[in-house]
Amino acid sequence: MAKKRQPLIPGRPYQDEAFRVILRRLFFLWARQQGKSYELARQSFNQMMKTPGRLVTFISASVVLGAELLRKDAALWQTMIAKMRTIATAREMQLTTSVDEILDDLDALMDMFEHSKLEVRLWHDRTTCSRTRVIAPNPDTAVSWTADIFGDEIGRWPNCQDVLEAIVPFMRSNPDLIMRLATTPPPDDKHYTFELFQPPAGLVFPVNPKGNFYRSDSRIMVHRVDIDDG
């Protein structure tokens, strides 16, 4: 039997279950405060570790949704960067960021985050690095995103349909790229993602600490974690 992939940074049972999925495209429909942003950041680091020169585009709704979410995500990146750096050092790699000088200043980090200037670089040697860049969900700049796509709180993205449609062409043209998109159930049932995540009629979800997988009516594989699972 093949050995399960174990994440370098441990997570909760449902996070580790999501980490092990080898599908190119997976959506996380998780209840609030269950660690969506943490899991996306963890998987972006995994992508950087696996392939020298890898680029991950991390699209964050918090950049356009105000100070509360922005502060939460900035604080998460403080924690994640520290963990990433510890692991990189143990593996004789170097991790640098565009915000190293202000990493301990949360307000300054929020400002850099808001202006899409947060970038994490993992140096495999003196000349080769992998990168994760954190940006706002803007369909007008999507043509420059050719990379793995990690999207946080997509149920709150403005112009979500436009952004996702802009991503499809380069995802199709490069089968090596993966997509991980996460959200709580969208607060507006008219939001584009509301229909994307609809499960087949009558589907029952037992309480499961690893979450439940299903294929939505839109043929999208979804990992569902509700408050009882979490």
C-alpha atoms as a PDB file:
ATOM      1  CA  MET A   1       0.000   0.000   0.000  1.00  0.00           C
ATOM      2  CA  ALA A   2       1.310   3.443  -0.932  1.00  0.00           C
ATOM      3  CA  LYS A   3       2.348   5.558   2.015  1.00  0.00           C
ATOM      4  CA  LYS A   4       0.205   8.643   2.564  1.00  0.00           C
ATOM      5  CA  ARG A   5       1.867  11.985   2.017  1.00  0.00           C
ATOM      6  CA  GLN A   6       2.583  13.628   5.347  1.00  0.00           C
ATOM      7  CA  PRO A   7       2.637  17.437   5.388  1.00  0.00           C
ATOM      8  CA  LEU A   8       5.762  19.111   6.716  1.00  0.00           C
ATOM      9  CA  ILE A   9       3.562  21.415   8.799  1.00  0.00           C
ATOM     10  CA  PRO A  10       0.978  19.323  10.722  1.00  0.00           C
ATOM     11  CA  GLY A  11      -2.704  20.204  10.502  1.00  0.00           C
ATOM     12  CA  ARG A  12      -6.087  19.079  11.768  1.00  0.00           C
ATOM     13  CA  PRO A  13      -7.513  15.771  10.419  1.00  0.00           C
ATOM     14  CA  TYR A  14      -9.607  17.447   7.705  1.00  0.00           C
ATOM     15  CA  GLN A  15      -6.692  19.724   6.713  1.00  0.00           C
ATOM     16  CA  ASP A  16      -4.376  16.744   6.332  1.00  0.00           C
ATOM     17  CA  GLU A  17      -7.074  14.964   4.311  1.00  0.00           C
ATOM     18  CA  ALA A  18      -7.281  17.954   1.949  1.00  0.00           C
ATOM     19  CA  PHE A  19      -3.487  18.130   1.753  1.00  0.00           C
ATOM     20  CA  ARG A  20      -3.227  14.565   0.433  1.00  0.00           C
ATOM     21  CA  VAL A  21      -5.603  15.053  -2.514  1.00  0.00           C
ATOM     22  CA  ILE A  22      -3.776  14.705  -5.837  1.00  0.00           C
ATOM     23  CA  LEU A  23      -6.508  16.173  -8.060  1.00  0.00           C
ATOM     24  CA  ARG A  24      -5.568  19.256 -10.071  1.00  0.00           C
ATOM     25  CA  ARG A  25      -8.655  21.169  -8.949  1.00  0.00           C
ATOM     26  CA  LEU A  26     -10.236  21.072  -5.502  1.00  0.00           C
ATOM     27  CA  PHE A  27     -12.583  23.449  -3.700  1.00  0.00           C
ATOM     28  CA  PHE A  28     -12.697  23.752   0.091  1.00  0.00           C
ATOM     29  CA  LEU A  29     -16.156  24.595   1.405  1.00  0.00           C
ATOM     30  CA  TRP A  30     -15.342  24.959   5.078  1.00  0.00           C
ATOM     31  CA  ALA A  31     -17.140  26.537   7.998  1.00  0.00           C
ATOM     32  CA  ARG A  32     -15.793  29.771   9.404  1.00  0.00           C
ATOM     33  CA  GLN A  33     -12.679  29.659  11.610  1.00  0.00           C
ATOM     34  CA  GLN A  34     -11.672  26.186  10.424  1.00  0.00           C
ATOM     35  CA  GLY A  35      -8.273  27.194   9.006  1.00  0.00           C
ATOM     36  CA  LYS A  36      -8.874  27.705   5.269  1.00  0.00           C
ATOM     37  CA  SER A  37      -6.197  30.369   4.860  1.00  0.00           C
ATOM     38  CA  TYR A  38      -3.735  28.334   6.908  1.00  0.00           C
ATOM     39  CA  GLU A  39      -4.300  25.263   4.728  1.00  0.00           C
ATOM     40  CA  LEU A  40      -3.848  27.227   1.496  1.00  0.00           C
ATOM     41  CA  ALA A  41      -0.631  28.793   2.789  1.00  0.00           C
ATOM     42  CA  ARG A  42       0.604  25.370   3.889  1.00  0.00           C
ATOM     43  CA  GLN A  43      -0.084  23.859   0.471  1.00  0.00           C
ATOM     44  CA  SER A  44       1.562  26.769  -1.327  1.00  0.00           C
ATOM     45  CA  PHE A  45       4.723  26.096   0.689  1.00  0.00           C
ATOM     46  CA  ASN A  46       4.505  22.427  -0.280  1.00  0.00           C
ATOM     47  CA  GLN A  47       4.361  23.396  -3.966  1.00  0.00           C
ATOM     48  CA  MET A  48       7.423  25.613  -3.557  1.00  0.00           C
ATOM     49  CA  MET A  49       9.313  22.844  -1.781  1.00  0.00           C
ATOM     50  CA  LYS A  50       8.504  20.199  -4.396  1.00  0.00           C
ATOM     51  CA  THR A  51       9.571  22.031  -7.543  1.00  0.00           C
ATOM     52  CA  PRO A  52      12.474  24.483  -7.871  1.00  0.00           C
ATOM     53  CA  GLY A  53      11.350  27.607  -9.684  1.00  0.00           C
ATOM     54  CA  ARG A  54       7.669  27.071  -8.843  1.00  0.00           C
ATOM     55  CA  LEU A  55       5.337  30.078  -8.762  1.00  0.00           C
ATOM     56  CA  VAL A  56       2.143  30.127  -6.692  1.00  0.00           C
ATOM     57  CA  THR A  57      -0.352  32.946  -7.086  1.00  0.00           C
ATOM     58  CA  PHE A  58      -2.272  33.314  -3.814  1.00  0.00           C
ATOM     59  CA  ILE A  59      -5.428  35.374  -4.393  1.00  0.00           C
ATOM     60  CA  SER A  60      -6.792  36.848  -1.185  1.00  0.00           C
ATOM     61  CA  ALA A  61     -10.222  38.402  -0.767  1.00  0.00           C
ATOM     62  CA  SER A  62      -9.054  40.127   2.401  1.00  0.00           C
ATOM     63  CA  VAL A  63      -7.035  42.567   0.289  1.00  0.00           C
ATOM     64  CA  VAL A  64     -10.307  44.129  -0.905  1.00  0.00           C
ATOM     65  CA  LEU A  65     -12.649  43.430   2.015  1.00  0.00           C
ATOM     66  CA  GLY A  66     -11.376  45.667   4.783  1.00  0.00           C
ATOM     67  CA  ALA A  67      -9.248  45.784   7.881  1.00  0.00           C
ATOM     68  CA  GLU A  68     -10.706  42.908   9.916  1.00  0.00           C
ATOM     69  CA  LEU A  69      -9.996  40.190   7.355  1.00  0.00           C
ATOM     70  CA  LEU A  70      -6.764  41.880   6.327  1.00  0.00           C
ATOM     71  CA  ARG A  71      -5.437  41.833   9.889  1.00  0.00           C
ATOM     72  CA  LYS A  72      -6.373  38.155  10.267  1.00  0.00           C
ATOM     73  CA  ASP A  73      -4.557  37.170   7.066  1.00  0.00           C
ATOM     74  CA  ALA A  74      -1.529  39.320   7.804  1.00  0.00           C
ATOM     75  CA  ALA A  75      -1.224  37.668  11.228  1.00  0.00           C
ATOM     76  CA  LEU A  76      -1.553  34.240   9.616  1.00  0.00           C
ATOM     77  CA  TRP A  77       1.290  34.993   7.224  1.00  0.00           C
ATOM     78  CA  GLN A  78       3.453  36.100  10.145  1.00  0.00           C
ATOM     79  CA  THR A  79       2.954  32.658  11.677  1.00  0.00           C
ATOM     80  CA  MET A  80       3.318  30.722   8.432  1.00  0.00           C
ATOM     81  CA  ILE A  81       6.485  32.515   7.331  1.00  0.00           C
ATOM     82  CA  ALA A  82       8.116  31.674  10.657  1.00  0.00           C
ATOM     83  CA  LYS A  83       7.210  27.987  10.233  1.00  0.00           C
ATOM     84  CA  MET A  84       8.336  27.968   6.589  1.00  0.00           C
ATOM     85  CA  ARG A  85      11.668  29.533   7.527  1.00  0.00           C
ATOM     86  CA  THR A  86      12.293  26.943  10.261  1.00  0.00           C
ATOM     87  CA  ILE A  87      11.708  24.062   7.837  1.00  0.00           C
ATOM     88  CA  ALA A  88      13.746  25.679   5.058  1.00  0.00           C
ATOM     89  CA  THR A  89      16.692  26.182   7.399  1.00  0.00           C
ATOM     90  CA  ALA A  90      16.510  22.555   8.564  1.00  0.00           C
ATOM     91  CA  ARG A  91      16.724  21.486   4.904  1.00  0.00           C
ATOM     92  CA  GLU A  92      19.616  23.843   4.175  1.00  0.00           C
ATOM     93  CA  MET A  93      17.452  26.169   2.097  1.00  0.00           C
ATOM     94  CA  GLN A  94      16.851  29.872   2.564  1.00  0.00           C
ATOM     95  CA  LEU A  95      13.481  31.562   2.818  1.00  0.00           C
ATOM     96  CA  THR A  96      13.173  35.297   2.226  1.00  0.00           C
ATOM     97  CA  THR A  97      10.202  37.613   1.835  1.00  0.00           C
ATOM     98  CA  SER A  98       9.477  41.062   0.499  1.00  0.00           C
ATOM     99  CA  VAL A  99       8.465  42.065   4.031  1.00  0.00           C
ATOM    100  CA  ASP A 100      11.344  40.699   6.140  1.00  0.00           C
ATOM    101  CA  GLU A 101      12.181  44.099   7.628  1.00  0.00           C
ATOM    102  CA  ILE A 102       8.621  44.676   8.866  1.00  0.00           C
ATOM    103  CA  LEU A 103       7.504  41.126   9.627  1.00  0.00           C
ATOM    104  CA  ASP A 104       7.171  41.879  13.349  1.00  0.00           C
ATOM    105  CA  ASP A 105       5.128  45.036  12.689  1.00  0.00           C
ATOM    106  CA  LEU A 106       1.569  43.859  12.025  1.00  0.00           C
ATOM    107  CA  ASP A 107       0.269  47.263  10.902  1.00  0.00           C
ATOM    108  CA  ALA A 108       3.126  47.703   8.431  1.00  0.00           C
ATOM    109  CA  LEU A 109       2.624  44.147   7.203  1.00  0.00           C
ATOM    110  CA  MET A 110      -1.064  44.864   6.652  1.00  0.00           C
ATOM    111  CA  ASP A 111      -0.142  47.850   4.506  1.00  0.00           C
ATOM    112  CA  MET A 112       2.202  45.736   2.352  1.00  0.00           C
ATOM    113  CA  PHE A 113      -0.443  43.010   2.158  1.00  0.00           C
ATOM    114  CA  GLU A 114      -3.091  45.521   1.066  1.00  0.00           C
ATOM    115  CA  HIS A 115      -0.893  46.756  -1.772  1.00  0.00           C
ATOM    116  CA  SER A 116      -0.126  43.228  -3.017  1.00  0.00           C
ATOM    117  CA  LYS A 117       3.547  43.476  -2.123  1.00  0.00           C
ATOM    118  CA  LEU A 118       3.815  40.287  -0.090  1.00  0.00           C
ATOM    119  CA  GLU A 119       5.999  37.676  -1.767  1.00  0.00           C
ATOM    120  CA  VAL A 120       7.650  34.627  -0.194  1.00  0.00           C
ATOM    121  CA  ARG A 121      10.758  33.189  -1.869  1.00  0.00           C
ATOM    122  CA  LEU A 122      12.217  29.760  -1.129  1.00  0.00           C
ATOM    123  CA  TRP A 123      15.803  29.492  -2.388  1.00  0.00           C
ATOM    124  CA  HIS A 124      16.758  25.954  -3.468  1.00  0.00           C
ATOM    125  CA  ASP A 125      20.291  27.127  -4.297  1.00  0.00           C
ATOM    126  CA  ARG A 126      22.014  30.448  -4.979  1.00  0.00           C
ATOM    127  CA  THR A 127      20.254  30.982  -8.301  1.00  0.00           C
ATOM    128  CA  THR A 128      16.928  29.105  -8.127  1.00  0.00           C
ATOM    129  CA  CYS A 129      13.953  30.106  -6.023  1.00  0.00           C
ATOM    130  CA  SER A 130      10.269  29.230  -5.836  1.00  0.00           C
ATOM    131  CA  ARG A 131       7.797  31.994  -5.035  1.00  0.00           C
ATOM    132  CA  THR A 132       4.355  32.627  -3.589  1.00  0.00           C
ATOM    133  CA  ARG A 133       2.897  36.045  -4.305  1.00  0.00           C
ATOM    134  CA  VAL A 134      -0.224  37.360  -2.567  1.00  0.00           C
ATOM    135  CA  ILE A 135      -2.514  39.523  -4.709  1.00  0.00           C
ATOM    136  CA  ALA A 136      -6.060  40.848  -4.970  1.00  0.00           C
ATOM    137  CA  PRO A 137      -8.765  39.107  -7.075  1.00  0.00           C
ATOM    138  CA  ASN A 138      -8.581  41.280 -10.183  1.00  0.00           C
ATOM    139  CA  PRO A 139      -9.674  39.812 -13.550  1.00  0.00           C
ATOM    140  CA  ASP A 140      -7.854  42.594 -15.427  1.00  0.00           C
ATOM    141  CA  THR A 141      -4.466  41.271 -14.300  1.00  0.00           C
ATOM    142  CA  ALA A 142      -5.279  37.561 -14.476  1.00  0.00           C
ATOM    143  CA  VAL A 143      -3.360  37.091 -17.731  1.00  0.00           C
ATOM    144  CA  SER A 144      -0.145  37.472 -15.730  1.00  0.00           C
ATOM    145  CA  TRP A 145      -1.052  34.825 -13.152  1.00  0.00           C
ATOM    146  CA  THR A 146       0.299  31.757 -15.017  1.00  0.00           C
ATOM    147  CA  ALA A 147       1.042  29.659 -11.921  1.00  0.00           C
ATOM    148  CA  ASP A 148      -0.610  27.395  -9.398  1.00  0.00           C
ATOM    149  CA  ILE A 149      -3.730  29.229  -8.241  1.00  0.00           C
ATOM    150  CA  PHE A 150      -4.674  29.369  -4.562  1.00  0.00           C
ATOM    151  CA  GLY A 151      -7.752  31.442  -3.783  1.00  0.00           C
ATOM    152  CA  ASP A 152      -9.034  32.393  -0.342  1.00  0.00           C
ATOM    153  CA  GLU A 153     -12.675  33.323   0.487  1.00  0.00           C
ATOM    154  CA  ILE A 154     -13.719  33.174  -3.164  1.00  0.00           C
ATOM    155  CA  GLY A 155     -17.349  33.352  -2.045  1.00  0.00           C
ATOM    156  CA  ARG A 156     -16.626  37.005  -1.266  1.00  0.00           C
ATOM    157  CA  TRP A 157     -14.658  37.896  -4.388  1.00  0.00           C
ATOM    158  CA  PRO A 158     -16.166  40.697  -6.439  1.00  0.00           C
ATOM    159  CA  ASN A 159     -16.286  39.677 -10.121  1.00  0.00           C
ATOM    160  CA  CYS A 160     -15.621  36.074  -9.110  1.00  0.00           C
ATOM    161  CA  GLN A 161     -16.960  34.632 -12.369  1.00  0.00           C
ATOM    162  CA  ASP A 162     -14.740  36.953 -14.427  1.00  0.00           C
ATOM    163  CA  VAL A 163     -11.670  35.993 -12.403  1.00  0.00           C
ATOM    164  CA  LEU A 164     -12.286  32.252 -12.699  1.00  0.00           C
ATOM    165  CA  GLU A 165     -13.007  32.493 -16.424  1.00  0.00           C
ATOM    166  CA  ALA A 166      -9.730  34.372 -16.905  1.00  0.00           C
ATOM    167  CA  ILE A 167      -7.846  31.600 -15.099  1.00  0.00           C
ATOM    168  CA  VAL A 168      -9.261  28.688 -17.137  1.00  0.00           C
ATOM    169  CA  PRO A 169      -7.213  29.149 -20.362  1.00  0.00           C
ATOM    170  CA  PHE A 170      -3.762  28.942 -18.772  1.00  0.00           C
ATOM    171  CA  MET A 171      -4.833  26.158 -16.417  1.00  0.00           C
ATOM    172  CA  ARG A 172      -5.911  24.132 -19.454  1.00  0.00           C
ATOM    173  CA  SER A 173      -2.717  24.890 -21.358  1.00  0.00           C
ATOM    174  CA  ASN A 174      -0.420  23.693 -18.565  1.00  0.00           C
ATOM    175  CA  PRO A 175      -1.488  20.357 -17.027  1.00  0.00           C
ATOM    176  CA  ASP A 176       1.195  20.670 -14.346  1.00  0.00           C
ATOM    177  CA  LEU A 177      -0.598  23.546 -12.615  1.00  0.00           C
ATOM    178  CA  ILE A 178      -3.023  22.962  -9.743  1.00  0.00           C
ATOM    179  CA  MET A 179      -5.877  25.013  -8.289  1.00  0.00           C
ATOM    180  CA  ARG A 180      -7.049  25.175  -4.687  1.00  0.00           C
ATOM    181  CA  LEU A 181      -9.952  27.520  -3.920  1.00  0.00           C
ATOM    182  CA  ALA A 182     -11.519  27.944  -0.491  1.00  0.00           C
ATOM    183  CA  THR A 183     -14.499  29.714   0.996  1.00  0.00           C
ATOM    184  CA  THR A 184     -17.159  29.666   3.639  1.00  0.00           C
ATOM    185  CA  PRO A 185     -20.657  29.386   2.142  1.00  0.00           C
ATOM    186  CA  PRO A 186     -21.176  32.714   0.323  1.00  0.00           C
ATOM    187  CA  PRO A 187     -23.352  35.161   2.280  1.00  0.00           C
ATOM    188  CA  ASP A 188     -25.226  36.084  -0.917  1.00  0.00           C
ATOM    189  CA  ASP A 189     -27.063  33.220  -2.647  1.00  0.00           C
ATOM    190  CA  LYS A 190     -26.749  35.170  -5.901  1.00  0.00           C
ATOM    191  CA  HIS A 191     -22.961  34.960  -5.778  1.00  0.00           C
ATOM    192  CA  TYR A 192     -21.396  32.926  -8.601  1.00  0.00           C
ATOM    193  CA  THR A 193     -19.979  30.300  -6.235  1.00  0.00           C
ATOM    194  CA  PHE A 194     -23.366  29.495  -4.686  1.00  0.00           C
ATOM    195  CA  GLU A 195     -24.349  27.344  -7.684  1.00  0.00           C
ATOM    196  CA  LEU A 196     -20.822  25.961  -8.124  1.00  0.00           C
ATOM    197  CA  PHE A 197     -20.924  24.225  -4.754  1.00  0.00           C
ATOM    198  CA  GLN A 198     -24.460  22.830  -4.834  1.00  0.00           C
ATOM    199  CA  PRO A 199     -24.403  19.113  -3.895  1.00  0.00           C
ATOM    200  CA  PRO A 200     -26.631  16.573  -5.649  1.00  0.00           C
ATOM    201  CA  ALA A 201     -30.160  16.551  -4.252  1.00  0.00           C
ATOM    202  CA  GLY A 202     -30.621  14.298  -1.247  1.00  0.00           C
ATOM    203  CA  LEU A 203     -26.917  13.871  -0.510  1.00  0.00           C
ATOM    204  CA  VAL A 204     -26.347  13.330   3.226  1.00  0.00           C
ATOM    205  CA  PHE A 205     -23.103  14.326   4.967  1.00  0.00           C
ATOM    206  CA  PRO A 206     -22.240  12.289   8.070  1.00  0.00           C
ATOM    207  CA  VAL A 207     -20.173  13.983  10.769  1.00  0.00           C
ATOM    208  CA  ASN A 208     -16.560  13.210   9.886  1.00  0.00           C
ATOM    209  CA  PRO A 209     -13.407  14.742  11.420  1.00  0.00           C
ATOM    210  CA  LYS A 210     -11.774  14.352   7.977  1.00  0.00           C
ATOM    211  CA  GLY A 211     -14.606  16.216   6.230  1.00  0.00           C
ATOM    212  CA  ASN A 212     -16.688  14.909   3.315  1.00  0.00           C
ATOM    213  CA  PHE A 213     -15.915  14.908  -0.397  1.00  0.00           C
ATOM    214  CA  TYR A 214     -18.597  15.244  -3.072  1.00  0.00           C
ATOM    215  CA  ARG A 215     -18.883  16.252  -6.707  1.00  0.00           C
ATOM    216  CA  SER A 216     -21.188  19.227  -7.097  1.00  0.00           C
ATOM    217  CA  ASP A 217     -23.916  19.612  -9.697  1.00  0.00           C
ATOM    218  CA  SER A 218     -21.372  21.730 -11.607  1.00  0.00           C
ATOM    219  CA  ARG A 219     -19.011  18.710 -11.708  1.00  0.00           C
ATOM    220  CA  ILE A 220     -16.573  20.279  -9.262  1.00  0.00           C
ATOM    221  CA  MET A 221     -14.898  18.191  -6.569  1.00  0.00           C
ATOM    222  CA  VAL A 222     -15.603  19.774  -3.189  1.00  0.00           C
ATOM    223  CA  HIS A 223     -14.197  19.048   0.266  1.00  0.00           C
ATOM    224  CA  ARG A 224     -16.866  20.024   2.781  1.00  0.00           C
ATOM    225  CA  VAL A 225     -16.167  20.698   6.457  1.00  0.00           C
ATOM    226  CA  ASP A 226     -18.996  21.974   8.645  1.00  0.00           C
ATOM    227  CA  ILE A 227     -18.797  23.133  12.239  1.00  0.00           C
ATOM    228  CA  ASP A 228     -19.528  19.633  13.592  1.00  0.00           C
ATOM    229  CA  ASP A 229     -16.774  18.046  11.484  1.00  0.00           C
ATOM    230  CA  GLY A 230     -14.341  20.681  12.688  1.00  0.00           C
END
